[in-house]
Protein backbone atom coordinates (compact mmCIF):
# COMPACT_ATOMS: atom_id res chain seq x y z
CA UNK A 1 -46.25 6.50 -46.32
CA UNK A 2 -47.58 10.03 -45.80
CA UNK A 3 -46.09 12.69 -43.54
CA UNK A 4 -48.36 14.11 -40.83
CA UNK A 5 -47.62 16.81 -38.26
CA UNK A 6 -49.63 17.07 -35.05
CA UNK A 7 -49.58 20.46 -33.32
CA UNK A 8 -50.26 19.94 -29.62
CA UNK A 9 -48.96 17.05 -27.52
CA UNK A 10 -51.46 17.02 -24.67
CA UNK A 11 -53.48 13.90 -23.89
CA UNK A 12 -55.54 14.11 -27.09
CA UNK A 13 -52.74 15.34 -29.34
CA UNK A 14 -50.41 12.57 -28.18
CA UNK A 15 -53.09 9.91 -28.70
CA UNK A 16 -53.61 11.13 -32.27
CA UNK A 17 -49.89 11.14 -32.99
CA UNK A 18 -49.51 7.57 -31.72
CA UNK A 19 -52.53 6.36 -33.66
CA UNK A 20 -51.40 7.94 -36.93
CA UNK A 21 -47.82 6.69 -36.51
CA UNK A 22 -49.06 3.14 -37.17
CA UNK A 23 -49.37 3.97 -40.87
CA UNK A 24 -47.68 7.33 -41.41
CA UNK A 25 -44.53 9.27 -40.63
CA UNK A 26 -45.57 11.55 -37.75
CA UNK A 27 -44.04 14.65 -36.20
CA UNK A 28 -45.40 16.03 -32.93
CA UNK A 29 -44.99 19.72 -32.08
CA UNK A 30 -45.48 21.40 -28.71
CA UNK A 31 -44.03 24.29 -26.75
CA UNK A 32 -43.71 22.04 -23.70
CA UNK A 33 -40.85 19.54 -23.93
CA UNK A 34 -42.32 17.51 -21.06
CA UNK A 35 -45.38 16.75 -23.19
CA UNK A 36 -43.20 15.58 -26.06
CA UNK A 37 -40.75 13.31 -24.24
CA UNK A 38 -43.05 10.24 -23.96
CA UNK A 39 -43.40 10.24 -27.76
CA UNK A 40 -39.67 9.76 -28.38
CA UNK A 41 -39.98 6.00 -27.89
CA UNK A 42 -42.90 5.80 -30.35
CA UNK A 43 -40.92 6.44 -33.54
CA UNK A 44 -42.43 9.92 -33.63
CA UNK A 45 -40.27 12.95 -34.39
CA UNK A 46 -40.64 15.77 -31.89
CA UNK A 47 -40.16 19.52 -32.30
CA UNK A 48 -40.33 22.17 -29.59
CA UNK A 49 -42.02 25.24 -31.05
CA UNK A 50 -44.36 28.09 -30.17
CA UNK A 51 -47.64 27.81 -32.09
CA UNK A 52 -47.69 31.61 -32.36
CA UNK A 53 -44.38 31.70 -34.27
CA UNK A 54 -45.77 31.92 -37.81
CA UNK A 55 -42.44 31.49 -39.57
CA UNK A 56 -41.51 28.37 -37.62
CA UNK A 57 -44.98 26.87 -37.96
CA UNK A 58 -44.92 27.40 -41.73
CA UNK A 59 -41.47 25.83 -42.03
CA UNK A 60 -42.66 22.72 -40.17
CA UNK A 61 -45.95 22.48 -42.06
CA UNK A 62 -44.38 22.67 -45.51
CA UNK A 63 -42.48 19.45 -44.86
CA UNK A 64 -45.70 17.46 -44.32
CA UNK A 65 -48.73 16.25 -46.27
CA UNK A 66 -51.37 16.89 -43.61
CA UNK A 67 -51.72 18.93 -40.43
CA UNK A 68 -53.57 17.95 -37.26
CA UNK A 69 -54.52 20.88 -35.04
CA UNK A 70 -54.87 20.29 -31.30
CA UNK A 71 -53.92 23.71 -29.95
CA UNK A 72 -55.65 25.59 -27.11
CA UNK A 73 -58.94 27.19 -28.09
CA UNK A 74 -57.75 30.78 -27.65
CA UNK A 75 -55.08 30.17 -30.33
CA UNK A 76 -57.22 27.99 -32.58
CA UNK A 77 -58.70 30.40 -35.11
CA UNK A 78 -55.48 32.27 -35.92
CA UNK A 79 -53.58 28.98 -36.09
CA UNK A 80 -56.13 27.51 -38.50
CA UNK A 81 -55.89 30.57 -40.73
CA UNK A 82 -52.08 30.27 -40.79
CA UNK A 83 -52.30 26.64 -41.89
CA UNK A 84 -54.82 27.41 -44.62
CA UNK A 85 -52.43 30.02 -46.03
CA UNK A 86 -49.71 27.35 -46.35
CA UNK A 87 -51.92 25.38 -48.75
CA UNK A 88 -51.84 22.22 -46.63
CA UNK A 89 -54.89 20.17 -45.62
CA UNK A 90 -55.79 20.22 -41.93
CA UNK A 91 -58.02 18.32 -39.51
CA UNK A 92 -58.60 20.44 -36.42
CA UNK A 93 -60.13 19.76 -32.98
CA UNK A 94 -59.52 23.18 -31.40
CA UNK A 95 -62.61 24.57 -29.65
CA UNK A 96 -62.29 28.26 -30.52
CA UNK A 97 -65.08 30.85 -30.18
CA UNK A 98 -64.79 32.35 -33.67
CA UNK A 99 -66.94 31.20 -36.61
CA UNK A 100 -64.70 28.92 -38.66
CA UNK A 101 -67.01 29.12 -41.68
CA UNK A 102 -65.78 32.64 -42.39
CA UNK A 103 -62.55 31.00 -43.58
CA UNK A 104 -64.36 28.97 -46.26
CA UNK A 105 -63.46 31.30 -49.14
CA UNK A 106 -59.83 31.39 -48.04
CA UNK A 107 -59.67 27.59 -47.89
CA UNK A 108 -61.20 27.28 -51.36
CA UNK A 109 -58.83 29.91 -52.72
CA UNK A 110 -55.90 27.86 -51.42
CA UNK A 111 -57.50 24.64 -52.74
CA UNK A 112 -57.35 22.83 -49.43
CA UNK A 113 -59.56 20.74 -47.19
CA UNK A 114 -59.87 22.19 -43.68
CA UNK A 115 -61.99 20.02 -41.39
CA UNK A 116 -62.86 21.74 -38.11
CA UNK A 117 -64.48 20.70 -34.80
CA UNK A 118 -63.52 17.11 -35.57
CA UNK A 119 -63.68 15.63 -32.07
CA UNK A 120 -66.40 13.73 -30.25
CA UNK A 121 -68.92 16.57 -29.73
CA UNK A 122 -68.68 18.67 -31.74
CA UNK A 123 -67.35 16.14 -34.19
CA UNK A 124 -68.81 12.66 -34.15
CA UNK A 125 -72.17 14.12 -33.13
CA UNK A 126 -72.11 16.21 -36.32
CA UNK A 127 -71.05 13.22 -38.41
CA UNK A 128 -73.97 11.13 -37.16
CA UNK A 129 -76.47 13.93 -37.73
CA UNK A 130 -75.08 14.75 -41.18
CA UNK A 131 -75.56 11.15 -42.27
CA UNK A 132 -79.21 10.95 -41.21
CA UNK A 133 -80.08 14.48 -42.33
CA UNK A 134 -79.18 13.44 -45.88
CA UNK A 135 -81.55 10.46 -45.68
CA UNK A 136 -84.57 11.69 -43.73
CA UNK A 137 -86.37 14.85 -42.72
CA UNK A 138 -84.94 15.52 -39.28
CA UNK A 139 -87.23 17.46 -36.95
CA UNK A 140 -85.28 17.22 -33.70
CA UNK A 141 -81.63 16.68 -32.74
CA UNK A 142 -80.44 16.29 -29.16
CA UNK A 143 -76.90 15.60 -28.00
CA UNK A 144 -75.88 14.86 -24.41
CA UNK A 145 -72.17 14.40 -23.78
CA UNK A 146 -69.59 14.47 -21.02
CA UNK A 147 -66.22 13.19 -19.89
CA UNK A 148 -65.97 12.28 -16.20
CA UNK A 149 -63.55 10.66 -13.75
CA UNK A 150 -64.48 7.27 -12.32
CA UNK A 151 -63.50 8.42 -8.83
CA UNK A 152 -65.79 11.20 -7.60
CA UNK A 153 -63.89 13.65 -5.38
CA UNK A 154 -65.70 16.58 -3.80
CA UNK A 155 -66.29 19.42 -4.28
CA UNK A 156 -66.13 19.35 -8.10
CA UNK A 157 -66.34 15.62 -8.91
CA UNK A 158 -64.60 16.46 -12.15
CA UNK A 159 -61.24 16.15 -13.93
CA UNK A 160 -60.26 17.63 -17.30
CA UNK A 161 -58.24 15.79 -19.96
CA UNK A 162 -57.46 19.19 -21.52
CA UNK A 163 -56.82 22.76 -20.40
CA UNK A 164 -59.16 24.05 -17.65
CA UNK A 165 -59.44 27.33 -19.55
CA UNK A 166 -61.22 25.46 -22.37
CA UNK A 167 -63.55 23.83 -19.83
CA UNK A 168 -64.36 27.21 -18.29
CA UNK A 169 -65.12 28.45 -21.80
CA UNK A 170 -67.92 25.88 -21.95
CA UNK A 171 -69.36 27.33 -18.75
CA UNK A 172 -69.20 30.97 -19.81
CA UNK A 173 -69.86 31.05 -23.56
CA UNK A 174 -73.60 31.64 -24.25
CA UNK A 175 -75.34 28.52 -25.55
CA UNK A 176 -77.01 28.67 -28.96
CA UNK A 177 -80.02 26.43 -29.47
CA UNK A 178 -82.55 26.11 -32.29
CA UNK A 179 -86.19 26.16 -31.16
CA UNK A 180 -89.03 26.16 -33.68
CA UNK A 181 -86.57 27.01 -36.47
CA UNK A 182 -85.21 30.07 -34.65
CA UNK A 183 -81.78 30.49 -33.09
CA UNK A 184 -82.15 31.11 -29.37
CA UNK A 185 -79.37 32.36 -27.10
CA UNK A 186 -79.38 31.03 -23.55
CA UNK A 187 -76.89 31.20 -20.72
CA UNK A 188 -74.46 28.35 -20.41
CA UNK A 189 -75.40 26.05 -17.50
CA UNK A 190 -79.12 26.81 -18.01
CA UNK A 191 -82.03 24.32 -18.07
CA UNK A 192 -80.43 21.62 -15.88
CA UNK A 193 -82.04 18.19 -16.02
CA UNK A 194 -81.28 14.70 -14.69
CA UNK A 195 -80.77 11.75 -17.05
CA UNK A 196 -80.16 8.11 -16.17
CA UNK A 197 -77.51 6.12 -18.04
CA UNK A 198 -76.96 2.34 -17.84
CA UNK A 199 -73.82 1.33 -15.89
CA UNK A 200 -73.27 4.98 -14.87
CA UNK A 201 -76.35 6.12 -12.97
CA UNK A 202 -77.85 9.59 -12.86
CA UNK A 203 -76.03 12.51 -14.44
CA UNK A 204 -77.01 16.16 -14.76
CA UNK A 205 -77.21 17.88 -18.16
CA UNK A 206 -77.14 21.61 -18.89
CA UNK A 207 -76.97 23.85 -21.96
CA UNK A 208 -73.60 24.52 -23.60
CA UNK A 209 -72.61 25.97 -26.96
CA UNK A 210 -71.94 22.71 -28.77
CA UNK A 211 -74.11 23.01 -31.89
CA UNK A 212 -71.51 25.24 -33.55
CA UNK A 213 -71.72 24.93 -37.37
CA UNK A 214 -74.94 22.90 -37.25
CA UNK A 215 -76.90 26.11 -36.68
CA UNK A 216 -75.88 27.31 -40.15
CA UNK A 217 -75.55 24.07 -42.10
CA UNK A 218 -78.61 22.12 -40.92
CA UNK A 219 -82.19 23.23 -41.62
CA UNK A 220 -83.61 21.43 -38.57
CA UNK A 221 -86.40 23.03 -36.46
CA UNK A 222 -85.14 21.91 -33.05
CA UNK A 223 -81.55 21.29 -31.97
CA UNK A 224 -79.71 21.38 -28.66
CA UNK A 225 -76.49 20.16 -27.09
CA UNK A 226 -76.04 19.62 -23.37
CA UNK A 227 -72.98 18.79 -21.29
CA UNK A 228 -73.12 16.01 -18.69
CA UNK A 229 -71.63 16.16 -15.20
CA UNK A 230 -72.16 14.41 -11.88
CA UNK A 231 -75.08 15.91 -9.90
CA UNK A 232 -73.89 18.80 -7.74
CA UNK A 233 -71.09 19.97 -10.03
CA UNK A 234 -73.19 22.64 -11.72
CA UNK A 235 -74.04 24.31 -8.37
CA UNK A 236 -70.35 24.87 -7.63
CA UNK A 237 -69.73 26.31 -11.09
CA UNK A 238 -72.69 28.68 -10.92
CA UNK A 239 -71.41 29.94 -7.55
CA UNK A 240 -67.98 30.69 -9.05
CA UNK A 241 -69.50 32.26 -12.15
CA UNK A 242 -71.92 34.54 -10.28
CA UNK A 243 -69.16 35.54 -7.84
CA UNK A 244 -67.03 36.85 -10.71
CA UNK A 245 -64.30 34.20 -10.71
CA UNK A 246 -64.66 33.69 -14.47
CA UNK A 247 -64.51 37.38 -15.40
CA UNK A 248 -61.85 38.47 -17.89
CA UNK A 249 -62.03 42.10 -16.71
CA UNK A 250 -58.89 42.93 -14.75
CA UNK A 251 -59.18 44.08 -11.15
CA UNK A 252 -56.59 45.68 -8.90
CA UNK A 253 -55.01 43.43 -6.25
CA UNK A 254 -52.13 44.93 -4.24
CA UNK A 255 -51.60 47.53 -6.96
CA UNK A 256 -51.41 44.86 -9.64
CA UNK A 257 -53.92 44.17 -12.40
CA UNK A 258 -55.25 40.62 -12.22
CA UNK A 259 -57.88 38.95 -14.39
CA UNK A 260 -60.09 36.75 -12.18
CA UNK A 261 -60.27 34.13 -14.96
CA UNK A 262 -56.46 33.75 -14.93
CA UNK A 263 -56.43 33.36 -11.15
CA UNK A 264 -59.29 30.84 -11.23
CA UNK A 265 -57.72 28.80 -14.04
CA UNK A 266 -54.46 28.60 -12.12
CA UNK A 267 -56.23 27.34 -9.01
CA UNK A 268 -58.43 24.86 -10.83
CA UNK A 269 -55.65 23.43 -12.99
CA UNK A 270 -54.26 21.31 -10.17
CA UNK A 271 -57.70 20.31 -8.87
CA UNK A 272 -59.02 19.40 -12.33
CA UNK A 273 -55.89 17.91 -13.86
CA UNK A 274 -56.53 14.33 -14.89
CA UNK A 275 -53.83 11.97 -13.66
CA UNK A 276 -51.71 10.25 -16.30
CA UNK A 277 -53.24 6.86 -15.48
CA UNK A 278 -56.43 8.07 -13.82
CA UNK A 279 -59.48 6.18 -15.02
CA UNK A 280 -62.29 8.17 -16.62
CA UNK A 281 -65.05 7.64 -19.14
CA UNK A 282 -66.91 9.40 -21.93
CA UNK A 283 -70.68 9.13 -22.19
CA UNK A 284 -72.77 10.43 -25.07
CA UNK A 285 -76.35 10.05 -26.23
CA UNK A 286 -77.55 11.35 -29.58
CA UNK A 287 -81.25 11.39 -30.39
CA UNK A 288 -82.47 12.11 -33.92
CA UNK A 289 -86.20 12.29 -34.60
CA UNK A 290 -88.04 12.93 -37.84
CA UNK A 291 -89.73 11.41 -40.85
CA UNK A 292 -88.19 8.66 -42.94
CA UNK A 293 -90.17 7.48 -45.93
CA UNK A 294 -93.03 9.60 -44.56
CA UNK A 295 -93.08 7.59 -41.31
CA UNK A 296 -92.00 8.73 -37.82
CA UNK A 297 -88.50 7.49 -37.02
CA UNK A 298 -86.14 7.88 -34.08
CA UNK A 299 -82.45 6.96 -34.03
CA UNK A 300 -80.61 6.86 -30.71
CA UNK A 301 -76.84 6.44 -30.53
CA UNK A 302 -75.25 5.64 -27.17
CA UNK A 303 -71.55 5.75 -26.38
CA UNK A 304 -69.90 4.63 -23.15
CA UNK A 305 -66.15 4.53 -23.53
CA UNK A 306 -63.67 3.94 -20.72
CA UNK A 307 -59.99 4.58 -20.06
CA UNK A 308 -57.87 1.97 -21.85
CA UNK A 309 -55.82 0.25 -19.13
CA UNK A 310 -53.68 -1.60 -21.69
CA UNK A 311 -52.54 1.36 -23.81
CA UNK A 312 -53.01 3.81 -20.90
CA UNK A 313 -55.03 6.14 -23.12
CA UNK A 314 -57.77 8.34 -21.70
CA UNK A 315 -61.27 7.86 -23.00
CA UNK A 316 -61.61 11.51 -24.01
CA UNK A 317 -58.37 11.20 -25.98
CA UNK A 318 -59.69 8.07 -27.69
CA UNK A 319 -63.18 9.33 -28.53
CA UNK A 320 -62.00 12.78 -29.60
CA UNK A 321 -58.68 11.88 -31.17
CA UNK A 322 -59.70 8.79 -33.11
CA UNK A 323 -62.58 10.63 -34.75
CA UNK A 324 -60.04 13.12 -36.07
CA UNK A 325 -57.56 10.45 -37.17
CA UNK A 326 -60.34 8.53 -38.92
CA UNK A 327 -61.13 11.64 -40.97
CA UNK A 328 -57.43 12.35 -41.49
CA UNK A 329 -56.99 8.92 -43.05
CA UNK A 330 -59.93 9.50 -45.39
CA UNK A 331 -58.17 12.63 -46.66
CA UNK A 332 -54.73 11.00 -46.86
CA UNK A 333 -56.21 8.08 -48.84
CA UNK A 334 -57.92 10.44 -51.26
CA UNK A 335 -61.38 9.26 -50.23
CA UNK A 336 -62.56 12.71 -49.14
CA UNK A 337 -61.50 15.51 -51.45
CA UNK A 338 -64.06 18.29 -50.98
CA UNK A 339 -62.33 21.67 -50.75
CA UNK A 340 -63.09 24.53 -48.40
CA UNK A 341 -63.90 24.86 -44.72
CA UNK A 342 -65.50 21.53 -43.84
CA UNK A 343 -67.63 21.02 -40.73
CA UNK A 344 -67.86 17.28 -39.87
CA UNK A 345 -71.51 17.00 -40.95
CA UNK A 346 -70.44 17.41 -44.59
CA UNK A 347 -68.18 14.35 -44.48
CA UNK A 348 -70.90 11.85 -43.60
CA UNK A 349 -73.23 12.86 -46.43
CA UNK A 350 -71.32 10.12 -48.25
CA UNK A 351 -72.36 6.73 -46.88
CA UNK A 352 -68.98 5.10 -47.51
CA UNK A 353 -67.22 7.83 -45.51
CA UNK A 354 -69.70 7.46 -42.65
CA UNK A 355 -69.29 3.69 -42.51
CA UNK A 356 -65.51 4.03 -42.78
CA UNK A 357 -65.40 6.32 -39.74
CA UNK A 358 -67.62 4.00 -37.69
CA UNK A 359 -65.50 0.98 -38.66
CA UNK A 360 -62.29 2.84 -37.81
CA UNK A 361 -63.64 3.68 -34.35
CA UNK A 362 -65.00 0.17 -33.79
CA UNK A 363 -61.56 -1.30 -34.57
CA UNK A 364 -60.28 0.83 -31.69
CA UNK A 365 -63.14 -0.29 -29.46
CA UNK A 366 -64.92 3.08 -29.57
CA UNK A 367 -68.42 1.77 -30.17
CA UNK A 368 -71.61 3.69 -30.88
CA UNK A 369 -74.62 1.49 -30.14
CA UNK A 370 -77.68 2.21 -32.24
CA UNK A 371 -81.34 1.85 -31.29
CA UNK A 372 -84.21 2.49 -33.70
CA UNK A 373 -87.74 3.39 -32.72
């Protein structure tokens, strides 16, 4: 039995801790005791700690075989670097703005495996593309993904299974696309389009910065990632964005400096907070086009995953968390040993690893349905 520590006990972090505790000795760490309390009855050790306390983090990490990172995005890069310096392997889902690949040399120097962006998208989207890119000449990659509440409540028709500040980051960070083999920078929320999904209806897609490492690791002429929301949501967000509510430049209010983004996040937290047993779903469509054996080929993967009413686990926690725990188990079992900074697309170059991840997810009823054209 291996020892695993999960940093972050939010919805996704808790789901990962519970999943891994079926086969391993798991410790969950969070600064918020309220997040940790439900894990006490799951045979999971809990520790209250500040992720920014390097000495305490190192002490905890050194007692374990593998680290799972599920910390807020604004802490993610520095936290990842700290873990690499301990010489322990890590699987991370933190959505931080920095380029993780710049830590590759450090990870190799410390002889560790550091898998980053290992969620649903980025994450499973990379894994699927990495598998096919190794076996065909991919000419176009498109990913559409979103997590949404079943109950649509105006004005936002949205709930977040993680921190609103990370959601806002999706709406403000410029989106990087690849068009005709050139990296193109576009505003987040740009190029809205409507797409119909079976059993869901019409959703609206818009550009977000989800390609991440794929821009550097994949030599594919055309790639884009778009986020999905209910129609009408984007209009509200654009209004807030253009009115300055997402600005991180402090302004004076009653002789006090206030960052609009902090004020907005505080307001939206209650409105966007997903209820503990609130039903939601994750929808994703991945389209890969290219030449296979010199013939045109299209692969389309569709995911529709819903809140688990039996285990009371959110869909976003399942689809994001179980991708990470699938990869964690590959490392713990010695089936993936590549050293360095590892984006998910590297893992699936090996067919056995790809099939193992799909099987792991299928066992947990997270099912990617494949169509070939």
